[in-house]
Amino acid sequence: MIADTLLTAARELSRSLAKLEFAAPIAHVYDPHTYAWAPYEEYVRRYGATRKRVVLLGMNPGPFGMTQTGVPFGEIAAVRDWMGIRARTQRPKQEHPKRPIEGFDCPRSEVSGRRLWGWAATRFGAADAFFADWFVLNYCPLVLLESSGRNFTPDKLPVALLRELYARCDRHLASALEALAPDWALGVGGFAEKRLRAVLEGSAIDSRLARSIQVGQILHPSPASPAANRGWEPAVDQRIAELGIPIARRR
């Protein structure tokens, strides 16, 4: 039931985002919830079928993670070997020559995903132990590419278009939080925390549930972050301890 709700919300999000029109400098738009739906569906059905204590929220796909595998922060080795997901991906209709979709055959590694899922594997052991109480989502599934192949982050969109994108992604996030009913919702980085607070303080989600969810933030594992490069795992451990979230299964 929970997995079905999450998948239906993801499908609805993709359909609504497909109606948006993006202008230059954006030249290509990828939506892994379409061409990489099979591994995402397996991820949700295998690991998102129960209520969670903690939900981690990222921003949008990285080029060698979710863009390739469909799984949030989807570093290929972690998704394939630790999670045991090997479903095949398709290819987007209009593919950028410098950003090919190779799926699980992609030779590159996603640093952010390697750090996040490596932390989970070190602290929890098996994937089932982590996902018993934790789950990871992305706020926006879209990959926006400039003609050069450079990634264009959604927060840089024109105000009117950004407002439309936020409205669609907020509805999806509200549906996911209602289905998972976590005690904690943590933004992976400041942007994700802001979107969590906006949704929980808005009218798109049940007010009683919204008041019960505590919001926080952990450091984003991006290699572009000097703080993350100085020691992302201990920084996350410290922050989770400060928030009072036990790294153990709920009894």
Foldseek 3Di string as FASTA:
>chain_A
DLLVLLLVLLVQLVVLVVPDDDDPQFDDKDFCCPQQVVLLSVCCVVQVPAAAAEEEEEAEDDLQACSQHVFHLRFLCCSCPQVVGDDDGGWDPDDQPVRGHPHSPDPDTRQLSCVVSVLVCVLQPGPNFSSLHYYYYYLDHMFTAGNVRDTDGLVPGPPVSSVSSLVSSLLSVQSSCVSNLHQEYEYQDDVRLVSLVVSLPDDSHDVVSSVRYHYYYAHRCHPVDPVNVVPRSVSRVVVCVVVVHDSGRDD
